[in-house]
Amino acid sequence: MAAKKQIKKQQVVEKKQKRKRFKI
């Protein structure tokens, strides 16, 4: 279960990074 939570967290971080890249 913990692993699933970590994966979700990573996905959110990746999404944020992608948005930042698009903004730049």
C-alpha atoms as a PDB file:
ATOM      1  CA  MET A   1       0.000   0.000   0.000  1.00  0.00           C
ATOM      2  CA  ALA A   2       2.786   2.396   0.926  1.00  0.00           C
ATOM      3  CA  ALA A   3       4.429   1.794  -2.439  1.00  0.00           C
ATOM      4  CA  LYS A   4       1.208   2.794  -4.202  1.00  0.00           C
ATOM      5  CA  LYS A   5       1.118   6.035  -2.221  1.00  0.00           C
ATOM      6  CA  GLN A   6       4.725   6.782  -3.146  1.00  0.00           C
ATOM      7  CA  ILE A   7       4.015   6.161  -6.827  1.00  0.00           C
ATOM      8  CA  LYS A   8       1.081   8.580  -6.691  1.00  0.00           C
ATOM      9  CA  LYS A   9       3.295  11.184  -5.016  1.00  0.00           C
ATOM     10  CA  GLN A  10       5.931  10.756  -7.724  1.00  0.00           C
ATOM     11  CA  GLN A  11       3.288  11.193 -10.432  1.00  0.00           C
ATOM     12  CA  VAL A  12       2.128  14.444  -8.832  1.00  0.00           C
ATOM     13  CA  VAL A  13       5.717  15.711  -8.649  1.00  0.00           C
ATOM     14  CA  GLU A  14       6.277  14.797 -12.290  1.00  0.00           C
ATOM     15  CA  LYS A  15       3.098  16.617 -13.272  1.00  0.00           C
ATOM     16  CA  LYS A  16       4.260  19.733 -11.438  1.00  0.00           C
ATOM     17  CA  GLN A  17       7.680  19.572 -13.090  1.00  0.00           C
ATOM     18  CA  LYS A  18       6.068  19.166 -16.512  1.00  0.00           C
ATOM     19  CA  ARG A  19       3.910  22.237 -15.899  1.00  0.00           C
ATOM     20  CA  LYS A  20       6.987  24.223 -14.872  1.00  0.00           C
ATOM     21  CA  ARG A  21       8.794  23.144 -18.040  1.00  0.00           C
ATOM     22  CA  PHE A  22       5.852  24.207 -20.193  1.00  0.00           C
ATOM     23  CA  LYS A  23       5.695  27.561 -18.433  1.00  0.00           C
ATOM     24  CA  ILE A  24       9.355  28.307 -19.116  1.00  0.00           C
END
